[in-house]
């Protein structure tokens, strides 16, 4: 059964999400809270790094298989969903709800993306 998010669209979503996640503390208004702010910066940077290193049309370094990328998206989503309680900021409504939204979005993106690897290309000189 085909999934609604193509590999190409997944890359666009990731490159769009990374700066938004990193900017969330300022955009949403919880920059005064250290733990969720640092987590936002780390998570945004991680999304960008993973995306840039994924073996896909949009990857810059192309070392991480796309299926591994999707698995890491799901793990990151579950971490984001549980972070407010695990890291003690569940009473900060803005930060908690932001991480729940980030987690739900990453989970949907990871589970609804077509897990097809990028076709192999011929090396120069072959």
PDB file of N, CA and C in Angstrom:
ATOM      1  N   UNK A   1       0.846  -1.187   0.000  1.00  0.00           N
ATOM      2  CA  UNK A   1       0.000   0.000   0.000  1.00  0.00           C
ATOM      3  C   UNK A   1       0.888   1.246   0.000  1.00  0.00           C
ATOM      4  N   UNK A   2       0.605   2.133  -0.883  1.00  0.00           N
ATOM      5  CA  UNK A   2       1.377   3.362  -1.001  1.00  0.00           C
ATOM      6  C   UNK A   2       1.060   4.322   0.147  1.00  0.00           C
ATOM      7  N   UNK A   3       2.074   5.062   0.563  1.00  0.00           N
ATOM      8  CA  UNK A   3       1.894   6.043   1.638  1.00  0.00           C
ATOM      9  C   UNK A   3       1.839   7.443   1.031  1.00  0.00           C
ATOM     10  N   UNK A   4       1.168   8.383   1.703  1.00  0.00           N
ATOM     11  CA  UNK A   4       0.922   9.693   1.087  1.00  0.00           C
ATOM     12  C   UNK A   4       2.106  10.654   1.007  1.00  0.00           C
ATOM     13  N   UNK A   5       3.169  10.412   1.756  1.00  0.00           N
ATOM     14  CA  UNK A   5       4.305  11.340   1.736  1.00  0.00           C
ATOM     15  C   UNK A   5       5.462  10.695   0.978  1.00  0.00           C
ATOM     16  N   UNK A   6       5.844  11.307  -0.123  1.00  0.00           N
ATOM     17  CA  UNK A   6       6.965  10.790  -0.908  1.00  0.00           C
ATOM     18  C   UNK A   6       8.288  11.137  -0.222  1.00  0.00           C
ATOM     19  N   UNK A   7       9.345  10.489  -0.665  1.00  0.00           N
ATOM     20  CA  UNK A   7      10.683  10.781  -0.138  1.00  0.00           C
ATOM     21  C   UNK A   7      11.044  12.238  -0.412  1.00  0.00           C
ATOM     22  N   UNK A   8      10.695  12.731  -1.590  1.00  0.00           N
ATOM     23  CA  UNK A   8      11.012  14.111  -1.949  1.00  0.00           C
ATOM     24  C   UNK A   8      10.269  15.100  -1.038  1.00  0.00           C
ATOM     25  N   UNK A   9       8.976  14.857  -0.809  1.00  0.00           N
ATOM     26  CA  UNK A   9       8.189  15.725   0.065  1.00  0.00           C
ATOM     27  C   UNK A   9       8.699  15.649   1.503  1.00  0.00           C
ATOM     28  N   UNK A  10       9.114  14.471   1.927  1.00  0.00           N
ATOM     29  CA  UNK A  10       9.649  14.305   3.279  1.00  0.00           C
ATOM     30  C   UNK A  10      10.848  15.222   3.497  1.00  0.00           C
ATOM     31  N   UNK A  11      11.714  15.302   2.504  1.00  0.00           N
ATOM     32  CA  UNK A  11      12.879  16.186   2.609  1.00  0.00           C
ATOM     33  C   UNK A  11      12.484  17.648   2.745  1.00  0.00           C
ATOM     34  N   UNK A  12      11.496  18.068   1.976  1.00  0.00           N
ATOM     35  CA  UNK A  12      11.012  19.451   2.066  1.00  0.00           C
ATOM     36  C   UNK A  12      10.455  19.713   3.460  1.00  0.00           C
ATOM     37  N   UNK A  13       9.687  18.756   3.978  1.00  0.00           N
ATOM     38  CA  UNK A  13       9.112  18.913   5.318  1.00  0.00           C
ATOM     39  C   UNK A  13      10.204  19.016   6.378  1.00  0.00           C
ATOM     40  N   UNK A  14      11.230  18.180   6.270  1.00  0.00           N
ATOM     41  CA  UNK A  14      12.314  18.202   7.255  1.00  0.00           C
ATOM     42  C   UNK A  14      13.108  19.506   7.206  1.00  0.00           C
ATOM     43  N   UNK A  15      13.469  19.928   5.999  1.00  0.00           N
ATOM     44  CA  UNK A  15      14.232  21.182   5.887  1.00  0.00           C
ATOM     45  C   UNK A  15      13.404  22.379   6.354  1.00  0.00           C
ATOM     46  N   UNK A  16      12.080  22.288   6.256  1.00  0.00           N
ATOM     47  CA  UNK A  16      11.204  23.350   6.756  1.00  0.00           C
ATOM     48  C   UNK A  16      11.035  23.275   8.266  1.00  0.00           C
ATOM     49  N   UNK A  17      10.975  22.058   8.801  1.00  0.00           N
ATOM     50  CA  UNK A  17      10.730  21.867  10.232  1.00  0.00           C
ATOM     51  C   UNK A  17      11.938  22.254  11.089  1.00  0.00           C
ATOM     52  N   UNK A  18      13.135  21.967  10.625  1.00  0.00           N
ATOM     53  CA  UNK A  18      14.331  22.192  11.439  1.00  0.00           C
ATOM     54  C   UNK A  18      14.428  23.620  11.984  1.00  0.00           C
ATOM     55  N   UNK A  19      14.336  24.654  11.145  1.00  0.00           N
ATOM     56  CA  UNK A  19      14.433  26.012  11.707  1.00  0.00           C
ATOM     57  C   UNK A  19      13.233  26.392  12.571  1.00  0.00           C
ATOM     58  N   UNK A  20      12.062  25.858  12.248  1.00  0.00           N
ATOM     59  CA  UNK A  20      10.876  26.166  13.060  1.00  0.00           C
ATOM     60  C   UNK A  20      10.988  25.565  14.459  1.00  0.00           C
ATOM     61  N   UNK A  21      11.495  24.339  14.536  1.00  0.00           N
ATOM     62  CA  UNK A  21      11.676  23.695  15.842  1.00  0.00           C
ATOM     63  C   UNK A  21      12.710  24.469  16.654  1.00  0.00           C
ATOM     64  N   UNK A  22      13.814  24.859  16.026  1.00  0.00           N
ATOM     65  CA  UNK A  22      14.856  25.610  16.735  1.00  0.00           C
ATOM     66  C   UNK A  22      14.364  26.985  17.181  1.00  0.00           C
ATOM     67  N   UNK A  23      13.485  27.587  16.402  1.00  0.00           N
ATOM     68  CA  UNK A  23      12.970  28.920  16.736  1.00  0.00           C
ATOM     69  C   UNK A  23      11.741  28.880  17.644  1.00  0.00           C
ATOM     70  N   UNK A  24      11.236  27.708  17.940  1.00  0.00           N
ATOM     71  CA  UNK A  24      10.000  27.567  18.723  1.00  0.00           C
ATOM     72  C   UNK A  24      10.018  28.328  20.048  1.00  0.00           C
ATOM     73  N   UNK A  25      11.094  28.295  20.830  1.00  0.00           N
ATOM     74  CA  UNK A  25      11.060  29.034  22.101  1.00  0.00           C
ATOM     75  C   UNK A  25      10.737  30.522  21.923  1.00  0.00           C
ATOM     76  N   UNK A  26      11.336  31.144  20.930  1.00  0.00           N
ATOM     77  CA  UNK A  26      11.070  32.566  20.685  1.00  0.00           C
ATOM     78  C   UNK A  26       9.705  32.771  20.039  1.00  0.00           C
ATOM     79  N   UNK A  27       9.358  31.903  19.100  1.00  0.00           N
ATOM     80  CA  UNK A  27       8.093  32.050  18.386  1.00  0.00           C
ATOM     81  C   UNK A  27       6.877  31.788  19.278  1.00  0.00           C
ATOM     82  N   UNK A  28       6.984  30.783  20.134  1.00  0.00           N
ATOM     83  CA  UNK A  28       5.846  30.364  20.966  1.00  0.00           C
ATOM     84  C   UNK A  28       5.849  31.086  22.316  1.00  0.00           C
ATOM     85  N   UNK A  29       7.033  31.499  22.774  1.00  0.00           N
ATOM     86  CA  UNK A  29       7.098  32.261  24.011  1.00  0.00           C
ATOM     87  C   UNK A  29       7.501  31.490  25.252  1.00  0.00           C
ATOM     88  N   UNK A  30       8.420  30.537  25.095  1.00  0.00           N
ATOM     89  CA  UNK A  30       8.946  29.866  26.287  1.00  0.00           C
ATOM     90  C   UNK A  30      10.472  29.933  26.354  1.00  0.00           C
ATOM     91  N   UNK A  31      11.057  30.962  25.751  1.00  0.00           N
ATOM     92  CA  UNK A  31      12.512  31.096  25.738  1.00  0.00           C
ATOM     93  C   UNK A  31      13.090  31.342  27.134  1.00  0.00           C
ATOM     94  N   UNK A  32      12.285  31.753  28.077  1.00  0.00           N
ATOM     95  CA  UNK A  32      12.732  31.956  29.457  1.00  0.00           C
ATOM     96  C   UNK A  32      12.946  30.623  30.186  1.00  0.00           C
ATOM     97  N   UNK A  33      12.464  29.545  29.627  1.00  0.00           N
ATOM     98  CA  UNK A  33      12.557  28.227  30.249  1.00  0.00           C
ATOM     99  C   UNK A  33      13.707  27.445  29.608  1.00  0.00           C
ATOM    100  N   UNK A  34      14.767  27.212  30.384  1.00  0.00           N
ATOM    101  CA  UNK A  34      16.021  26.683  29.843  1.00  0.00           C
ATOM    102  C   UNK A  34      15.897  25.291  29.217  1.00  0.00           C
ATOM    103  N   UNK A  35      15.336  24.338  29.924  1.00  0.00           N
ATOM    104  CA  UNK A  35      15.323  22.956  29.433  1.00  0.00           C
ATOM    105  C   UNK A  35      14.595  22.810  28.102  1.00  0.00           C
ATOM    106  N   UNK A  36      13.348  23.274  27.980  1.00  0.00           N
ATOM    107  CA  UNK A  36      12.700  23.108  26.671  1.00  0.00           C
ATOM    108  C   UNK A  36      13.342  23.960  25.573  1.00  0.00           C
ATOM    109  N   UNK A  37      13.928  25.078  25.936  1.00  0.00           N
ATOM    110  CA  UNK A  37      14.611  25.897  24.926  1.00  0.00           C
ATOM    111  C   UNK A  37      15.825  25.167  24.370  1.00  0.00           C
ATOM    112  N   UNK A  38      16.653  24.647  25.256  1.00  0.00           N
ATOM    113  CA  UNK A  38      17.838  23.905  24.802  1.00  0.00           C
ATOM    114  C   UNK A  38      17.424  22.681  23.996  1.00  0.00           C
ATOM    115  N   UNK A  39      16.389  21.996  24.460  1.00  0.00           N
ATOM    116  CA  UNK A  39      15.907  20.824  23.731  1.00  0.00           C
ATOM    117  C   UNK A  39      15.427  21.218  22.326  1.00  0.00           C
ATOM    118  N   UNK A  40      14.785  22.340  22.187  1.00  0.00           N
ATOM    119  CA  UNK A  40      14.348  22.817  20.869  1.00  0.00           C
ATOM    120  C   UNK A  40      15.535  23.053  19.953  1.00  0.00           C
ATOM    121  N   UNK A  41      16.583  23.688  20.479  1.00  0.00           N
ATOM    122  CA  UNK A  41      17.776  23.959  19.669  1.00  0.00           C
ATOM    123  C   UNK A  41      18.448  22.650  19.250  1.00  0.00           C
ATOM    124  N   UNK A  42      18.560  21.728  20.183  1.00  0.00           N
ATOM    125  CA  UNK A  42      19.193  20.435  19.895  1.00  0.00           C
ATOM    126  C   UNK A  42      18.357  19.647  18.891  1.00  0.00           C
ATOM    127  N   UNK A  43      17.057  19.622  19.100  1.00  0.00           N
ATOM    128  CA  UNK A  43      16.171  18.883  18.208  1.00  0.00           C
ATOM    129  C   UNK A  43      16.169  19.489  16.802  1.00  0.00           C
ATOM    130  N   UNK A  44      16.082  20.797  16.705  1.00  0.00           N
ATOM    131  CA  UNK A  44      16.125  21.449  15.394  1.00  0.00           C
ATOM    132  C   UNK A  44      17.437  21.178  14.673  1.00  0.00           C
ATOM    133  N   UNK A  45      18.536  21.253  15.406  1.00  0.00           N
ATOM    134  CA  UNK A  45      19.857  20.967  14.821  1.00  0.00           C
ATOM    135  C   UNK A  45      19.962  19.509  14.402  1.00  0.00           C
ATOM    136  N   UNK A  46      19.421  18.622  15.223  1.00  0.00           N
ATOM    137  CA  UNK A  46      19.443  17.187  14.904  1.00  0.00           C
ATOM    138  C   UNK A  46      18.645  16.860  13.654  1.00  0.00           C
ATOM    139  N   UNK A  47      17.480  17.471  13.533  1.00  0.00           N
ATOM    140  CA  UNK A  47      16.661  17.262  12.334  1.00  0.00           C
ATOM    141  C   UNK A  47      17.423  17.725  11.096  1.00  0.00           C
ATOM    142  N   UNK A  48      18.046  18.889  11.184  1.00  0.00           N
ATOM    143  CA  UNK A  48      18.809  19.417  10.053  1.00  0.00           C
ATOM    144  C   UNK A  48      19.993  18.509   9.714  1.00  0.00           C
ATOM    145  N   UNK A  49      20.724  18.074  10.723  1.00  0.00           N
ATOM    146  CA  UNK A  49      21.891  17.214  10.487  1.00  0.00           C
ATOM    147  C   UNK A  49      21.486  15.874   9.866  1.00  0.00           C
ATOM    148  N   UNK A  50      20.436  15.254  10.415  1.00  0.00           N
ATOM    149  CA  UNK A  50      19.984  13.972   9.872  1.00  0.00           C
ATOM    150  C   UNK A  50      19.518  14.133   8.433  1.00  0.00           C
ATOM    151  N   UNK A  51      18.783  15.180   8.160  1.00  0.00           N
ATOM    152  CA  UNK A  51      18.273  15.427   6.812  1.00  0.00           C
ATOM    153  C   UNK A  51      19.429  15.633   5.836  1.00  0.00           C
ATOM    154  N   UNK A  52      20.391  16.415   6.234  1.00  0.00           N
ATOM    155  CA  UNK A  52      21.541  16.684   5.360  1.00  0.00           C
ATOM    156  C   UNK A  52      22.374  15.433   5.097  1.00  0.00           C
ATOM    157  N   UNK A  53      22.343  14.479   6.028  1.00  0.00           N
ATOM    158  CA  UNK A  53      23.161  13.267   5.892  1.00  0.00           C
ATOM    159  C   UNK A  53      22.397  12.079   5.305  1.00  0.00           C
ATOM    160  N   UNK A  54      21.143  12.270   4.938  1.00  0.00           N
ATOM    161  CA  UNK A  54      20.319  11.173   4.439  1.00  0.00           C
ATOM    162  C   UNK A  54      20.582  10.900   2.973  1.00  0.00           C
ATOM    163  N   UNK A  55      20.615   9.611   2.640  1.00  0.00           N
ATOM    164  CA  UNK A  55      20.819   9.181   1.259  1.00  0.00           C
ATOM    165  C   UNK A  55      19.496   9.353   0.496  1.00  0.00           C
ATOM    166  N   UNK A  56      19.299  10.571   0.026  1.00  0.00           N
ATOM    167  CA  UNK A  56      18.104  10.942  -0.738  1.00  0.00           C
ATOM    168  C   UNK A  56      18.486  12.098  -1.651  1.00  0.00           C
ATOM    169  N   UNK A  57      17.588  12.443  -2.535  1.00  0.00           N
ATOM    170  CA  UNK A  57      17.870  13.508  -3.501  1.00  0.00           C
ATOM    171  C   UNK A  57      18.277  14.798  -2.807  1.00  0.00           C
ATOM    172  N   UNK A  58      17.719  15.063  -1.663  1.00  0.00           N
ATOM    173  CA  UNK A  58      17.930  16.302  -0.937  1.00  0.00           C
ATOM    174  C   UNK A  58      19.045  16.215   0.096  1.00  0.00           C
ATOM    175  N   UNK A  59      19.630  15.040   0.282  1.00  0.00           N
ATOM    176  CA  UNK A  59      20.734  14.897   1.224  1.00  0.00           C
ATOM    177  C   UNK A  59      22.003  15.524   0.677  1.00  0.00           C
ATOM    178  N   UNK A  60      22.774  16.122   1.540  1.00  0.00           N
ATOM    179  CA  UNK A  60      24.020  16.749   1.101  1.00  0.00           C
ATOM    180  C   UNK A  60      25.191  15.782   1.163  1.00  0.00           C
ATOM    181  N   UNK A  61      25.184  14.903   2.173  1.00  0.00           N
ATOM    182  CA  UNK A  61      26.287  13.961   2.359  1.00  0.00           C
ATOM    183  C   UNK A  61      25.902  12.543   1.939  1.00  0.00           C
ATOM    184  N   UNK A  62      24.628  12.189   2.020  1.00  0.00           N
ATOM    185  CA  UNK A  62      24.059  10.918   1.551  1.00  0.00           C
ATOM    186  C   UNK A  62      24.706   9.685   2.176  1.00  0.00           C
ATOM    187  N   UNK A  63      24.739   9.633   3.508  1.00  0.00           N
ATOM    188  CA  UNK A  63      25.299   8.467   4.173  1.00  0.00           C
ATOM    189  C   UNK A  63      24.245   7.632   4.916  1.00  0.00           C
ATOM    190  N   UNK A  64      23.198   8.241   5.406  1.00  0.00           N
ATOM    191  CA  UNK A  64      22.181   7.538   6.194  1.00  0.00           C
ATOM    192  C   UNK A  64      21.078   7.033   5.266  1.00  0.00           C
ATOM    193  N   UNK A  65      20.813   5.719   5.269  1.00  0.00           N
ATOM    194  CA  UNK A  65      19.713   5.208   4.437  1.00  0.00           C
ATOM    195  C   UNK A  65      18.382   5.861   4.837  1.00  0.00           C
ATOM    196  N   UNK A  66      17.492   6.049   3.865  1.00  0.00           N
ATOM    197  CA  UNK A  66      16.225   6.712   4.133  1.00  0.00           C
ATOM    198  C   UNK A  66      15.385   5.938   5.154  1.00  0.00           C
ATOM    199  N   UNK A  67      15.412   4.616   5.101  1.00  0.00           N
ATOM    200  CA  UNK A  67      14.645   3.823   6.076  1.00  0.00           C
ATOM    201  C   UNK A  67      15.175   4.052   7.491  1.00  0.00           C
ATOM    202  N   UNK A  68      16.471   4.216   7.643  1.00  0.00           N
ATOM    203  CA  UNK A  68      17.056   4.531   8.951  1.00  0.00           C
ATOM    204  C   UNK A  68      16.610   5.926   9.380  1.00  0.00           C
ATOM    205  N   UNK A  69      16.582   6.859   8.447  1.00  0.00           N
ATOM    206  CA  UNK A  69      16.105   8.218   8.716  1.00  0.00           C
ATOM    207  C   UNK A  69      14.680   8.158   9.271  1.00  0.00           C
ATOM    208  N   UNK A  70      13.810   7.374   8.632  1.00  0.00           N
ATOM    209  CA  UNK A  70      12.421   7.271   9.080  1.00  0.00           C
ATOM    210  C   UNK A  70      12.332   6.664  10.482  1.00  0.00           C
ATOM    211  N   UNK A  71      13.153   5.672  10.753  1.00  0.00           N
ATOM    212  CA  UNK A  71      13.176   5.063  12.087  1.00  0.00           C
ATOM    213  C   UNK A  71      13.602   6.090  13.129  1.00  0.00           C
ATOM    214  N   UNK A  72      14.621   6.869  12.809  1.00  0.00           N
ATOM    215  CA  UNK A  72      15.078   7.912  13.732  1.00  0.00           C
ATOM    216  C   UNK A  72      14.019   9.000  13.916  1.00  0.00           C
ATOM    217  N   UNK A  73      13.244   9.282  12.878  1.00  0.00           N
ATOM    218  CA  UNK A  73      12.129  10.226  13.012  1.00  0.00           C
ATOM    219  C   UNK A  73      11.124   9.734  14.057  1.00  0.00           C
ATOM    220  N   UNK A  74      10.801   8.448  14.008  1.00  0.00           N
ATOM    221  CA  UNK A  74       9.834   7.884  14.956  1.00  0.00           C
ATOM    222  C   UNK A  74      10.406   7.900  16.374  1.00  0.00           C
ATOM    223  N   UNK A  75      11.661   7.538  16.529  1.00  0.00           N
ATOM    224  CA  UNK A  75      12.305   7.569  17.853  1.00  0.00           C
ATOM    225  C   UNK A  75      12.331   9.005  18.392  1.00  0.00           C
ATOM    226  N   UNK A  76      12.675   9.950  17.537  1.00  0.00           N
ATOM    227  CA  UNK A  76      12.698  11.362  17.934  1.00  0.00           C
ATOM    228  C   UNK A  76      11.297  11.840  18.308  1.00  0.00           C
ATOM    229  N   UNK A  77      10.302  11.388  17.563  1.00  0.00           N
ATOM    230  CA  UNK A  77       8.917  11.766  17.855  1.00  0.00           C
ATOM    231  C   UNK A  77       8.507  11.259  19.236  1.00  0.00           C
ATOM    232  N   UNK A  78       8.818  10.020  19.536  1.00  0.00           N
ATOM    233  CA  UNK A  78       8.451   9.452  20.844  1.00  0.00           C
ATOM    234  C   UNK A  78       9.188  10.158  21.972  1.00  0.00           C
ATOM    235  N   UNK A  79      10.434  10.520  21.718  1.00  0.00           N
ATOM    236  CA  UNK A  79      11.207  11.275  22.703  1.00  0.00           C
ATOM    237  C   UNK A  79      10.579  12.647  22.932  1.00  0.00           C
ATOM    238  N   UNK A  80      10.200  13.318  21.853  1.00  0.00           N
ATOM    239  CA  UNK A  80       9.581  14.633  21.955  1.00  0.00           C
ATOM    240  C   UNK A  80       8.244  14.559  22.700  1.00  0.00           C
ATOM    241  N   UNK A  81       7.465  13.533  22.419  1.00  0.00           N
ATOM    242  CA  UNK A  81       6.166  13.374  23.081  1.00  0.00           C
ATOM    243  C   UNK A  81       6.300  13.143  24.582  1.00  0.00           C
ATOM    244  N   UNK A  82       7.365  12.484  24.990  1.00  0.00           N
ATOM    245  CA  UNK A  82       7.543  12.179  26.414  1.00  0.00           C
ATOM    246  C   UNK A  82       8.416  13.190  27.148  1.00  0.00           C
ATOM    247  N   UNK A  83       9.129  14.035  26.426  1.00  0.00           N
ATOM    248  CA  UNK A  83      10.082  14.983  27.020  1.00  0.00           C
ATOM    249  C   UNK A  83       9.496  15.885  28.106  1.00  0.00           C
ATOM    250  N   UNK A  84       8.298  16.437  27.940  1.00  0.00           N
ATOM    251  CA  UNK A  84       7.796  17.328  29.001  1.00  0.00           C
ATOM    252  C   UNK A  84       7.735  16.654  30.372  1.00  0.00           C
ATOM    253  N   UNK A  85       7.420  15.378  30.400  1.00  0.00           N
ATOM    254  CA  UNK A  85       7.326  14.667  31.683  1.00  0.00           C
ATOM    255  C   UNK A  85       8.684  14.119  32.104  1.00  0.00           C
ATOM    256  N   UNK A  86       9.456  13.616  31.149  1.00  0.00           N
ATOM    257  CA  UNK A  86      10.775  13.067  31.478  1.00  0.00           C
ATOM    258  C   UNK A  86      11.746  14.149  31.931  1.00  0.00           C
ATOM    259  N   UNK A  87      11.622  15.345  31.356  1.00  0.00           N
ATOM    260  CA  UNK A  87      12.567  16.425  31.656  1.00  0.00           C
ATOM    261  C   UNK A  87      11.980  17.494  32.574  1.00  0.00           C
ATOM    262  N   UNK A  88      10.763  17.282  33.047  1.00  0.00           N
ATOM    263  CA  UNK A  88      10.195  18.125  34.091  1.00  0.00           C
ATOM    264  C   UNK A  88       9.640  19.473  33.691  1.00  0.00           C
ATOM    265  N   UNK A  89       9.185  19.623  32.439  1.00  0.00           N
ATOM    266  CA  UNK A  89       8.580  20.906  32.081  1.00  0.00           C
ATOM    267  C   UNK A  89       7.122  20.742  31.632  1.00  0.00           C
ATOM    268  N   UNK A  90       6.455  19.712  32.142  1.00  0.00           N
ATOM    269  CA  UNK A  90       5.073  19.446  31.734  1.00  0.00           C
ATOM    270  C   UNK A  90       4.091  20.522  32.204  1.00  0.00           C
ATOM    271  N   UNK A  91       4.453  21.295  33.229  1.00  0.00           N
ATOM    272  CA  UNK A  91       3.561  22.354  33.709  1.00  0.00           C
ATOM    273  C   UNK A  91       3.684  23.644  32.900  1.00  0.00           C
ATOM    274  N   UNK A  92       4.717  23.718  32.070  1.00  0.00           N
ATOM    275  CA  UNK A  92       4.877  24.856  31.173  1.00  0.00           C
ATOM    276  C   UNK A  92       4.022  24.557  29.936  1.00  0.00           C
ATOM    277  N   UNK A  93       2.815  25.102  29.934  1.00  0.00           N
ATOM    278  CA  UNK A  93       1.834  24.759  28.912  1.00  0.00           C
ATOM    279  C   UNK A  93       2.337  25.030  27.492  1.00  0.00           C
ATOM    280  N   UNK A  94       2.970  26.153  27.261  1.00  0.00           N
ATOM    281  CA  UNK A  94       3.454  26.477  25.912  1.00  0.00           C
ATOM    282  C   UNK A  94       4.518  25.484  25.453  1.00  0.00           C
ATOM    283  N   UNK A  95       5.483  25.201  26.312  1.00  0.00           N
ATOM    284  CA  UNK A  95       6.553  24.272  25.950  1.00  0.00           C
ATOM    285  C   UNK A  95       6.000  22.854  25.794  1.00  0.00           C
ATOM    286  N   UNK A  96       5.170  22.427  26.737  1.00  0.00           N
ATOM    287  CA  UNK A  96       4.601  21.073  26.681  1.00  0.00           C
ATOM    288  C   UNK A  96       3.824  20.881  25.381  1.00  0.00           C
ATOM    289  N   UNK A  97       2.930  21.812  25.078  1.00  0.00           N
ATOM    290  CA  UNK A  97       2.107  21.667  23.884  1.00  0.00           C
ATOM    291  C   UNK A  97       2.928  21.756  22.602  1.00  0.00           C
ATOM    292  N   UNK A  98       3.969  22.551  22.631  1.00  0.00           N
ATOM    293  CA  UNK A  98       4.858  22.628  21.468  1.00  0.00           C
ATOM    294  C   UNK A  98       5.527  21.281  21.220  1.00  0.00           C
ATOM    295  N   UNK A  99       6.034  20.653  22.275  1.00  0.00           N
ATOM    296  CA  UNK A  99       6.700  19.355  22.100  1.00  0.00           C
ATOM    297  C   UNK A  99       5.719  18.253  21.744  1.00  0.00           C
ATOM    298  N   UNK A 100       4.488  18.356  22.209  1.00  0.00           N
ATOM    299  CA  UNK A 100       3.471  17.387  21.789  1.00  0.00           C
ATOM    300  C   UNK A 100       3.172  17.559  20.300  1.00  0.00           C
ATOM    301  N   UNK A 101       3.091  18.805  19.841  1.00  0.00           N
ATOM    302  CA  UNK A 101       2.846  19.067  18.418  1.00  0.00           C
ATOM    303  C   UNK A 101       4.032  18.617  17.557  1.00  0.00           C
ATOM    304  N   UNK A 102       5.243  18.915  18.014  1.00  0.00           N
ATOM    305  CA  UNK A 102       6.442  18.476  17.285  1.00  0.00           C
ATOM    306  C   UNK A 102       6.463  16.953  17.202  1.00  0.00           C
ATOM    307  N   UNK A 103       6.224  16.296  18.322  1.00  0.00           N
ATOM    308  CA  UNK A 103       6.234  14.836  18.347  1.00  0.00           C
ATOM    309  C   UNK A 103       5.178  14.226  17.444  1.00  0.00           C
ATOM    310  N   UNK A 104       3.969  14.780  17.477  1.00  0.00           N
ATOM    311  CA  UNK A 104       2.891  14.259  16.628  1.00  0.00           C
ATOM    312  C   UNK A 104       3.219  14.456  15.151  1.00  0.00           C
ATOM    313  N   UNK A 105       3.803  15.606  14.825  1.00  0.00           N
ATOM    314  CA  UNK A 105       4.159  15.896  13.437  1.00  0.00           C
ATOM    315  C   UNK A 105       5.269  14.964  12.953  1.00  0.00           C
ATOM    316  N   UNK A 106       6.302  14.782  13.776  1.00  0.00           N
ATOM    317  CA  UNK A 106       7.395  13.873  13.402  1.00  0.00           C
ATOM    318  C   UNK A 106       6.897  12.437  13.270  1.00  0.00           C
ATOM    319  N   UNK A 107       6.019  12.033  14.169  1.00  0.00           N
ATOM    320  CA  UNK A 107       5.488  10.669  14.123  1.00  0.00           C
ATOM    321  C   UNK A 107       4.680  10.457  12.848  1.00  0.00           C
ATOM    322  N   UNK A 108       3.807  11.405  12.526  1.00  0.00           N
ATOM    323  CA  UNK A 108       3.014  11.293  11.304  1.00  0.00           C
ATOM    324  C   UNK A 108       3.915  11.282  10.070  1.00  0.00           C
ATOM    325  N   UNK A 109       4.894  12.168  10.050  1.00  0.00           N
ATOM    326  CA  UNK A 109       5.806  12.248   8.912  1.00  0.00           C
ATOM    327  C   UNK A 109       6.606  10.951   8.757  1.00  0.00           C
ATOM    328  N   UNK A 110       7.075  10.414   9.866  1.00  0.00           N
ATOM    329  CA  UNK A 110       7.852   9.175   9.812  1.00  0.00           C
ATOM    330  C   UNK A 110       7.027   7.968   9.406  1.00  0.00           C
ATOM    331  N   UNK A 111       5.800   7.889   9.907  1.00  0.00           N
ATOM    332  CA  UNK A 111       4.961   6.723   9.624  1.00  0.00           C
ATOM    333  C   UNK A 111       4.235   6.810   8.285  1.00  0.00           C
ATOM    334  N   UNK A 112       4.013   8.019   7.784  1.00  0.00           N
ATOM    335  CA  UNK A 112       3.249   8.183   6.550  1.00  0.00           C
ATOM    336  C   UNK A 112       4.118   8.424   5.318  1.00  0.00           C
ATOM    337  N   UNK A 113       5.444   8.325   5.484  1.00  0.00           N
ATOM    338  CA  UNK A 113       6.345   8.498   4.344  1.00  0.00           C
ATOM    339  C   UNK A 113       6.623   7.162   3.678  1.00  0.00           C
ATOM    340  N   UNK A 114       6.633   7.177   2.370  1.00  0.00           N
ATOM    341  CA  UNK A 114       6.960   5.990   1.590  1.00  0.00           C
ATOM    342  C   UNK A 114       8.424   5.629   1.871  1.00  0.00           C
ATOM    343  N   UNK A 115       8.688   4.403   2.390  1.00  0.00           N
ATOM    344  CA  UNK A 115      10.057   4.058   2.814  1.00  0.00           C
ATOM    345  C   UNK A 115      10.973   3.582   1.684  1.00  0.00           C
ATOM    346  N   UNK A 116      10.735   4.035   0.498  1.00  0.00           N
ATOM    347  CA  UNK A 116      11.524   3.600  -0.646  1.00  0.00           C
ATOM    348  C   UNK A 116      12.867   4.326  -0.681  1.00  0.00           C
ATOM    349  N   UNK A 117      13.919   3.533  -0.773  1.00  0.00           N
ATOM    350  CA  UNK A 117      15.264   4.106  -0.854  1.00  0.00           C
ATOM    351  C   UNK A 117      15.470   4.762  -2.211  1.00  0.00           C
ATOM    352  N   UNK A 118      16.361   5.737  -2.258  1.00  0.00           N
ATOM    353  CA  UNK A 118      16.720   6.405  -3.505  1.00  0.00           C
ATOM    354  C   UNK A 118      17.387   5.385  -4.429  1.00  0.00           C
ATOM    355  N   UNK A 119      17.031   5.381  -5.702  1.00  0.00           N
ATOM    356  CA  UNK A 119      17.668   4.435  -6.632  1.00  0.00           C
ATOM    357  C   UNK A 119      19.180   4.653  -6.676  1.00  0.00           C
ATOM    358  N   UNK A 120      19.897   3.567  -6.818  1.00  0.00           N
ATOM    359  CA  UNK A 120      21.359   3.657  -6.934  1.00  0.00           C
ATOM    360  C   UNK A 120      21.696   4.366  -8.239  1.00  0.00           C
ATOM    361  N   UNK A 121      22.754   5.122  -8.212  1.00  0.00           N
ATOM    362  CA  UNK A 121      23.199   5.789  -9.423  1.00  0.00           C
ATOM    363  C   UNK A 121      24.583   5.262  -9.769  1.00  0.00           C
ATOM    364  N   UNK A 122      24.914   5.319 -11.004  1.00  0.00           N
ATOM    365  CA  UNK A 122      26.213   4.807 -11.470  1.00  0.00           C
ATOM    366  C   UNK A 122      27.300   5.827 -11.144  1.00  0.00           C
ATOM    367  N   UNK A 123      28.397   5.319 -10.633  1.00  0.00           N
ATOM    368  CA  UNK A 123      29.551   6.162 -10.360  1.00  0.00           C
ATOM    369  C   UNK A 123      30.188   6.568 -11.692  1.00  0.00           C
ATOM    370  N   UNK A 124      30.809   7.726 -11.701  1.00  0.00           N
ATOM    371  CA  UNK A 124      31.519   8.154 -12.896  1.00  0.00           C
ATOM    372  C   UNK A 124      32.634   7.172 -13.200  1.00  0.00           C
ATOM    373  N   UNK A 125      32.798   6.820 -14.429  1.00  0.00           N
ATOM    374  CA  UNK A 125      33.866   5.914 -14.830  1.00  0.00           C
ATOM    375  C   UNK A 125      33.440   4.474 -14.886  1.00  0.00           C
ATOM    376  N   UNK A 126      32.203   4.148 -14.487  1.00  0.00           N
ATOM    377  CA  UNK A 126      31.742   2.752 -14.574  1.00  0.00           C
ATOM    378  C   UNK A 126      31.271   2.414 -15.959  1.00  0.00           C
TER     379      UNK A 126
END
